[in-house]
Amino acid sequence: MHGGAAERRAVEKLRLWQVWWIGGAALAALTAALVWAAERAYSAGNAALGDLASVARILLYLLWCRAVWRASRNVERAFWTPLALAAAALGLLASAALY
């Protein structure tokens, strides 16, 4: 396989709960660190570095949302799929609004 097909298949084999909870915990820790770094940069008068940390935070969330989207159909009960997609989309909107 080439062109990232093997990697895509690896992500699609993950269960939604794995991506949601394990990936979400890592995302939360990284987000907290980036928010802290952005606030320190802003308070030190370095707006460009603060903006960079904020953009990195949103990009990390986008990567997690993509993984959730890919794993959303890998559930035992189908009602989790739209619920997970809606929650991820709302979280993305909230993350962008707090930027």
Protein backbone atom coordinates (compact mmCIF):
# COMPACT_ATOMS: atom_id res chain seq x y z
CA MET A 1 0.00 0.00 0.00
CA HIS A 2 1.16 3.49 -0.71
CA GLY A 3 -0.04 7.05 -0.32
CA GLY A 4 -0.92 6.62 3.35
CA ALA A 5 -3.49 3.88 2.74
CA ALA A 6 -1.99 1.64 5.42
CA GLU A 7 -2.07 4.49 7.93
CA ARG A 8 -5.69 5.32 7.11
CA ARG A 9 -6.69 1.71 7.63
CA ALA A 10 -4.93 1.65 11.00
CA VAL A 11 -6.94 4.66 12.19
CA GLU A 12 -10.19 3.22 10.86
CA LYS A 13 -9.62 0.03 12.87
CA LEU A 14 -9.55 1.95 16.14
CA ARG A 15 -12.74 1.84 18.16
CA LEU A 16 -14.50 5.14 18.75
CA TRP A 17 -14.09 4.87 22.51
CA GLN A 18 -10.31 4.54 22.10
CA VAL A 19 -10.04 7.64 19.95
CA TRP A 20 -12.51 9.57 22.10
CA TRP A 21 -11.12 8.82 25.57
CA ILE A 22 -7.43 8.04 25.05
CA GLY A 23 -6.94 10.57 22.28
CA GLY A 24 -9.15 13.06 24.11
CA ALA A 25 -7.11 12.79 27.30
CA ALA A 26 -3.91 13.46 25.38
CA LEU A 27 -5.62 16.33 23.58
CA ALA A 28 -6.77 17.84 26.88
CA ALA A 29 -3.25 17.74 28.33
CA LEU A 30 -1.71 19.29 25.23
CA THR A 31 -4.46 21.90 25.04
CA ALA A 32 -3.88 22.92 28.65
CA ALA A 33 -0.16 23.30 27.98
CA LEU A 34 -0.79 25.36 24.86
CA VAL A 35 -3.31 27.62 26.62
CA TRP A 36 -0.78 28.16 29.41
CA ALA A 37 1.97 28.92 26.87
CA ALA A 38 -0.27 31.33 24.96
CA GLU A 39 -1.24 33.21 28.12
CA ARG A 40 2.41 33.50 29.18
CA ALA A 41 3.37 34.76 25.73
CA TYR A 42 0.55 37.32 25.71
CA SER A 43 1.40 38.56 29.19
CA ALA A 44 5.08 38.90 28.17
CA GLY A 45 4.05 41.07 25.23
CA ASN A 46 4.81 38.46 22.57
CA ALA A 47 1.51 38.34 20.69
CA ALA A 48 2.92 36.41 17.73
CA LEU A 49 4.05 33.51 19.91
CA GLY A 50 0.71 33.52 21.74
CA ASP A 51 -1.14 33.41 18.43
CA LEU A 52 1.07 30.53 17.28
CA ALA A 53 0.22 28.53 20.41
CA SER A 54 -3.49 29.23 19.89
CA VAL A 55 -3.38 28.13 16.26
CA ALA A 56 -1.48 24.98 17.27
CA ARG A 57 -4.24 24.24 19.80
CA ILE A 58 -6.92 24.45 17.12
CA LEU A 59 -4.88 22.32 14.71
CA LEU A 60 -4.48 19.63 17.38
CA TYR A 61 -8.22 19.66 17.92
CA LEU A 62 -8.77 19.33 14.16
CA LEU A 63 -6.51 16.27 14.07
CA TRP A 64 -8.45 14.71 16.93
CA CYS A 65 -11.76 15.53 15.22
CA ARG A 66 -10.53 13.85 12.06
CA ALA A 67 -9.62 10.73 14.02
CA VAL A 68 -13.06 10.77 15.72
CA TRP A 69 -14.74 11.17 12.34
CA ARG A 70 -12.85 8.19 10.91
CA ALA A 71 -13.58 5.97 13.92
CA SER A 72 -17.17 7.13 14.41
CA ARG A 73 -18.69 4.18 12.59
CA ASN A 74 -16.62 1.63 14.48
CA VAL A 75 -19.09 1.21 17.35
CA GLU A 76 -21.35 -1.54 18.62
CA ARG A 77 -24.43 0.70 18.87
CA ALA A 78 -25.14 3.00 15.94
CA PHE A 79 -26.56 5.84 18.04
CA TRP A 80 -23.02 6.72 19.19
CA THR A 81 -21.99 7.77 15.68
CA PRO A 82 -24.11 10.93 15.30
CA LEU A 83 -23.67 11.77 18.98
CA ALA A 84 -19.87 11.66 18.72
CA LEU A 85 -19.83 13.65 15.48
CA ALA A 86 -22.11 16.34 16.93
CA ALA A 87 -20.07 16.61 20.14
CA ALA A 88 -16.80 16.85 18.20
CA ALA A 89 -18.25 19.56 15.94
CA LEU A 90 -19.57 21.55 18.91
CA GLY A 91 -16.21 21.25 20.62
CA LEU A 92 -14.46 22.52 17.50
CA LEU A 93 -16.78 25.52 17.35
CA ALA A 94 -16.21 26.24 21.03
CA SER A 95 -12.44 25.90 20.61
CA ALA A 96 -12.47 28.31 17.66
CA ALA A 97 -14.70 30.78 19.55
CA LEU A 98 -12.31 30.79 22.50
CA TYR A 99 -9.37 31.47 20.20
